Amino acid sequence: MKRLISILSLGWAVPAFGQPGIDEMHQASQQLTSSFFSAFDCSLILAAIFGITGALRIYHNWQMGKREITTDVAAWFYAAIFMVLAGAFLRALFGI
């Protein structure tokens, strides 16, 4: 009989403490969603800044007579692509 009472008392205690903080989890998820979209937009803005800066630097080097600019073009292009893909990767990682 003691065993039955102890098993039943444990069974009642588990549902009472099984799901604490559900409201907090929803709130945290909503905060992550609102701040993540601004982070994704920030990555796109940084990619645009890298593209514009790279284009201006390459144009300046070309006008100054430096004809070997393929490494500069690749470096700035891949920096911008990396920022775009980093934003997309974060969006996929967090499932937003």
N, C-alpha and C. Protein backbone atom coordinates (compact mmCIF):
# COMPACT_ATOMS: atom_id res chain seq x y z
N MET A 1 0.81 -1.19 0.00
CA MET A 1 0.00 0.00 0.00
C MET A 1 0.86 1.27 0.00
N LYS A 2 1.98 1.22 0.75
CA LYS A 2 2.88 2.37 0.78
C LYS A 2 3.46 2.64 -0.61
N ARG A 3 3.77 1.56 -1.31
CA ARG A 3 4.31 1.72 -2.66
C ARG A 3 3.32 2.41 -3.58
N LEU A 4 2.09 2.01 -3.52
CA LEU A 4 1.05 2.59 -4.36
C LEU A 4 0.87 4.08 -4.06
N ILE A 5 0.88 4.43 -2.80
CA ILE A 5 0.74 5.84 -2.42
C ILE A 5 1.94 6.65 -2.90
N SER A 6 3.14 6.12 -2.77
CA SER A 6 4.32 6.86 -3.23
C SER A 6 4.33 7.00 -4.75
N ILE A 7 3.91 5.99 -5.47
CA ILE A 7 3.85 6.07 -6.94
C ILE A 7 2.82 7.10 -7.37
N LEU A 8 1.65 7.09 -6.73
CA LEU A 8 0.62 8.06 -7.06
C LEU A 8 1.04 9.48 -6.72
N SER A 9 1.72 9.66 -5.61
CA SER A 9 2.16 11.01 -5.24
C SER A 9 3.22 11.52 -6.21
N LEU A 10 4.09 10.65 -6.69
CA LEU A 10 5.06 11.06 -7.71
C LEU A 10 4.38 11.38 -9.03
N GLY A 11 3.35 10.63 -9.36
CA GLY A 11 2.61 10.87 -10.58
C GLY A 11 1.90 12.21 -10.57
N TRP A 12 1.43 12.65 -9.41
CA TRP A 12 0.77 13.96 -9.32
C TRP A 12 1.78 15.10 -9.34
N ALA A 13 2.96 14.87 -8.86
CA ALA A 13 3.96 15.94 -8.78
C ALA A 13 4.55 16.26 -10.15
N VAL A 14 4.69 15.27 -11.00
CA VAL A 14 5.32 15.47 -12.31
C VAL A 14 4.51 16.40 -13.21
N PRO A 15 3.19 16.22 -13.36
CA PRO A 15 2.45 17.16 -14.23
C PRO A 15 2.45 18.59 -13.70
N ALA A 16 2.55 18.76 -12.42
CA ALA A 16 2.52 20.11 -11.86
C ALA A 16 3.77 20.90 -12.24
N PHE A 17 4.91 20.24 -12.39
CA PHE A 17 6.17 20.91 -12.71
C PHE A 17 6.69 20.52 -14.08
N GLY A 18 5.87 19.95 -14.93
CA GLY A 18 6.32 19.44 -16.22
C GLY A 18 6.63 20.50 -17.25
N GLN A 19 5.87 21.60 -17.27
CA GLN A 19 6.03 22.60 -18.32
C GLN A 19 6.15 24.02 -17.76
N PRO A 20 7.17 24.31 -16.99
CA PRO A 20 7.30 25.68 -16.50
C PRO A 20 7.87 26.60 -17.58
N GLY A 21 7.43 27.83 -17.58
CA GLY A 21 8.05 28.82 -18.45
C GLY A 21 7.63 28.82 -19.89
N ILE A 22 6.45 28.29 -20.19
CA ILE A 22 6.01 28.27 -21.59
C ILE A 22 5.83 29.70 -22.11
N ASP A 23 5.25 30.56 -21.29
CA ASP A 23 5.07 31.95 -21.71
C ASP A 23 6.41 32.63 -21.95
N GLU A 24 7.39 32.33 -21.12
CA GLU A 24 8.72 32.91 -21.28
C GLU A 24 9.38 32.42 -22.56
N MET A 25 9.16 31.16 -22.90
CA MET A 25 9.74 30.62 -24.14
C MET A 25 9.13 31.30 -25.37
N HIS A 26 7.82 31.52 -25.34
CA HIS A 26 7.18 32.23 -26.46
C HIS A 26 7.69 33.66 -26.55
N GLN A 27 7.88 34.30 -25.41
CA GLN A 27 8.38 35.67 -25.41
C GLN A 27 9.81 35.72 -25.95
N ALA A 28 10.65 34.76 -25.54
CA ALA A 28 12.03 34.72 -26.04
C ALA A 28 12.06 34.46 -27.54
N SER A 29 11.19 33.58 -28.00
CA SER A 29 11.12 33.30 -29.44
C SER A 29 10.69 34.54 -30.22
N GLN A 30 9.74 35.29 -29.68
CA GLN A 30 9.29 36.49 -30.36
C GLN A 30 10.39 37.57 -30.37
N GLN A 31 11.13 37.67 -29.28
CA GLN A 31 12.22 38.65 -29.24
C GLN A 31 13.32 38.27 -30.22
N LEU A 32 13.61 36.97 -30.33
CA LEU A 32 14.62 36.52 -31.28
C LEU A 32 14.18 36.83 -32.70
N THR A 33 12.91 36.62 -32.99
CA THR A 33 12.39 36.89 -34.33
C THR A 33 12.50 38.38 -34.66
N SER A 34 12.13 39.23 -33.72
CA SER A 34 12.17 40.67 -34.01
C SER A 34 13.60 41.18 -34.15
N SER A 35 14.52 40.68 -33.34
CA SER A 35 15.90 41.15 -33.46
C SER A 35 16.64 40.47 -34.60
N PHE A 36 16.20 39.27 -35.00
CA PHE A 36 16.91 38.57 -36.07
C PHE A 36 16.69 39.25 -37.40
N PHE A 37 15.47 39.73 -37.66
CA PHE A 37 15.24 40.37 -38.94
C PHE A 37 16.08 41.62 -39.08
N SER A 38 16.31 42.32 -38.00
CA SER A 38 17.20 43.47 -38.10
C SER A 38 18.64 43.02 -38.33
N ALA A 39 19.04 41.87 -37.78
CA ALA A 39 20.39 41.35 -38.03
C ALA A 39 20.53 40.90 -39.48
N PHE A 40 19.48 40.31 -40.03
CA PHE A 40 19.51 39.90 -41.44
C PHE A 40 19.60 41.12 -42.34
N ASP A 41 18.83 42.15 -42.04
CA ASP A 41 18.91 43.39 -42.81
C ASP A 41 20.29 44.02 -42.68
N CYS A 42 20.88 43.92 -41.50
CA CYS A 42 22.22 44.45 -41.29
C CYS A 42 23.24 43.73 -42.17
N SER A 43 23.09 42.42 -42.31
CA SER A 43 24.03 41.68 -43.17
C SER A 43 23.88 42.11 -44.63
N LEU A 44 22.66 42.39 -45.06
CA LEU A 44 22.47 42.87 -46.43
C LEU A 44 23.05 44.27 -46.62
N ILE A 45 22.90 45.11 -45.62
CA ILE A 45 23.47 46.45 -45.70
C ILE A 45 24.99 46.39 -45.73
N LEU A 46 25.57 45.53 -44.91
CA LEU A 46 27.04 45.37 -44.93
C LEU A 46 27.51 44.85 -46.28
N ALA A 47 26.76 43.93 -46.88
CA ALA A 47 27.13 43.43 -48.20
C ALA A 47 27.10 44.55 -49.23
N ALA A 48 26.10 45.42 -49.15
CA ALA A 48 26.03 46.55 -50.08
C ALA A 48 27.19 47.51 -49.86
N ILE A 49 27.53 47.74 -48.60
CA ILE A 49 28.67 48.63 -48.31
C ILE A 49 29.97 48.03 -48.83
N PHE A 50 30.14 46.72 -48.64
CA PHE A 50 31.34 46.07 -49.18
C PHE A 50 31.38 46.19 -50.71
N GLY A 51 30.25 46.02 -51.36
CA GLY A 51 30.20 46.12 -52.82
C GLY A 51 30.55 47.51 -53.32
N ILE A 52 29.95 48.52 -52.69
CA ILE A 52 30.22 49.90 -53.12
C ILE A 52 31.66 50.30 -52.83
N THR A 53 32.14 49.97 -51.63
CA THR A 53 33.52 50.30 -51.27
C THR A 53 34.51 49.60 -52.19
N GLY A 54 34.25 48.33 -52.45
CA GLY A 54 35.13 47.57 -53.35
C GLY A 54 35.14 48.14 -54.74
N ALA A 55 33.96 48.54 -55.23
CA ALA A 55 33.90 49.12 -56.58
C ALA A 55 34.69 50.42 -56.65
N LEU A 56 34.56 51.25 -55.63
CA LEU A 56 35.30 52.51 -55.62
C LEU A 56 36.81 52.29 -55.52
N ARG A 57 37.22 51.34 -54.68
CA ARG A 57 38.66 51.07 -54.56
C ARG A 57 39.24 50.50 -55.84
N ILE A 58 38.50 49.62 -56.48
CA ILE A 58 38.98 49.02 -57.74
C ILE A 58 39.04 50.09 -58.83
N TYR A 59 38.03 50.94 -58.89
CA TYR A 59 38.04 52.03 -59.87
C TYR A 59 39.23 52.96 -59.63
N HIS A 60 39.48 53.28 -58.38
CA HIS A 60 40.61 54.15 -58.06
C HIS A 60 41.93 53.50 -58.47
N ASN A 61 42.11 52.24 -58.15
CA ASN A 61 43.34 51.54 -58.53
C ASN A 61 43.48 51.47 -60.05
N TRP A 62 42.38 51.26 -60.75
CA TRP A 62 42.43 51.19 -62.21
C TRP A 62 42.84 52.53 -62.79
N GLN A 63 42.32 53.61 -62.23
CA GLN A 63 42.66 54.94 -62.73
C GLN A 63 44.09 55.34 -62.39
N MET A 64 44.63 54.77 -61.33
CA MET A 64 46.01 55.08 -60.94
C MET A 64 47.02 54.24 -61.71
N GLY A 65 46.56 53.37 -62.57
CA GLY A 65 47.47 52.63 -63.42
C GLY A 65 47.73 51.21 -62.99
N LYS A 66 47.15 50.77 -61.93
CA LYS A 66 47.32 49.37 -61.51
C LYS A 66 46.38 48.49 -62.33
N ARG A 67 46.97 47.71 -63.26
CA ARG A 67 46.15 46.93 -64.18
C ARG A 67 45.86 45.52 -63.66
N GLU A 68 46.57 45.07 -62.67
CA GLU A 68 46.34 43.73 -62.12
C GLU A 68 45.40 43.85 -60.92
N ILE A 69 44.11 43.85 -61.19
CA ILE A 69 43.12 44.06 -60.13
C ILE A 69 42.23 42.83 -59.91
N THR A 70 42.57 41.72 -60.52
CA THR A 70 41.70 40.55 -60.40
C THR A 70 41.61 40.05 -58.97
N THR A 71 42.69 40.14 -58.22
CA THR A 71 42.62 39.69 -56.82
C THR A 71 41.76 40.64 -55.98
N ASP A 72 41.85 41.93 -56.28
CA ASP A 72 41.00 42.89 -55.57
C ASP A 72 39.52 42.67 -55.88
N VAL A 73 39.23 42.42 -57.14
CA VAL A 73 37.84 42.18 -57.54
C VAL A 73 37.29 40.95 -56.83
N ALA A 74 38.09 39.88 -56.83
CA ALA A 74 37.64 38.65 -56.18
C ALA A 74 37.46 38.85 -54.67
N ALA A 75 38.38 39.55 -54.04
CA ALA A 75 38.30 39.75 -52.59
C ALA A 75 37.05 40.53 -52.20
N TRP A 76 36.77 41.63 -52.87
CA TRP A 76 35.60 42.43 -52.52
C TRP A 76 34.30 41.72 -52.89
N PHE A 77 34.31 41.03 -54.03
CA PHE A 77 33.12 40.30 -54.45
C PHE A 77 32.78 39.19 -53.45
N TYR A 78 33.77 38.41 -53.05
CA TYR A 78 33.51 37.32 -52.11
C TYR A 78 33.20 37.83 -50.71
N ALA A 79 33.67 39.00 -50.34
CA ALA A 79 33.29 39.58 -49.05
C ALA A 79 31.81 39.92 -49.05
N ALA A 80 31.33 40.49 -50.15
CA ALA A 80 29.91 40.82 -50.24
C ALA A 80 29.05 39.55 -50.29
N ILE A 81 29.48 38.57 -51.06
CA ILE A 81 28.74 37.31 -51.16
C ILE A 81 28.70 36.61 -49.80
N PHE A 82 29.82 36.65 -49.07
CA PHE A 82 29.86 36.03 -47.75
C PHE A 82 28.84 36.66 -46.82
N MET A 83 28.70 37.98 -46.85
CA MET A 83 27.74 38.63 -45.97
C MET A 83 26.31 38.25 -46.33
N VAL A 84 26.01 38.16 -47.60
CA VAL A 84 24.66 37.76 -48.02
C VAL A 84 24.38 36.32 -47.58
N LEU A 85 25.35 35.43 -47.79
CA LEU A 85 25.15 34.03 -47.41
C LEU A 85 25.14 33.85 -45.90
N ALA A 86 25.88 34.67 -45.16
CA ALA A 86 25.86 34.58 -43.70
C ALA A 86 24.47 34.93 -43.17
N GLY A 87 23.84 35.95 -43.74
CA GLY A 87 22.48 36.29 -43.34
C GLY A 87 21.50 35.19 -43.65
N ALA A 88 21.61 34.58 -44.84
CA ALA A 88 20.74 33.48 -45.21
C ALA A 88 20.99 32.25 -44.34
N PHE A 89 22.26 32.01 -44.00
CA PHE A 89 22.59 30.87 -43.14
C PHE A 89 21.99 31.05 -41.75
N LEU A 90 22.09 32.26 -41.21
CA LEU A 90 21.51 32.52 -39.90
C LEU A 90 20.00 32.39 -39.92
N ARG A 91 19.39 32.82 -41.00
CA ARG A 91 17.94 32.68 -41.11
C ARG A 91 17.56 31.19 -41.14
N ALA A 92 18.30 30.37 -41.87
CA ALA A 92 18.02 28.95 -41.92
C ALA A 92 18.36 28.26 -40.60
N LEU A 93 19.41 28.70 -39.94
CA LEU A 93 19.83 28.08 -38.69
C LEU A 93 18.79 28.27 -37.60
N PHE A 94 18.25 29.47 -37.48
CA PHE A 94 17.26 29.74 -36.45
C PHE A 94 15.85 29.41 -36.88
N GLY A 95 15.66 29.00 -38.13
CA GLY A 95 14.35 28.60 -38.60
C GLY A 95 13.36 29.75 -38.69
N ILE A 96 13.84 30.91 -39.01
CA ILE A 96 12.97 32.08 -39.07
C ILE A 96 12.68 32.39 -40.52
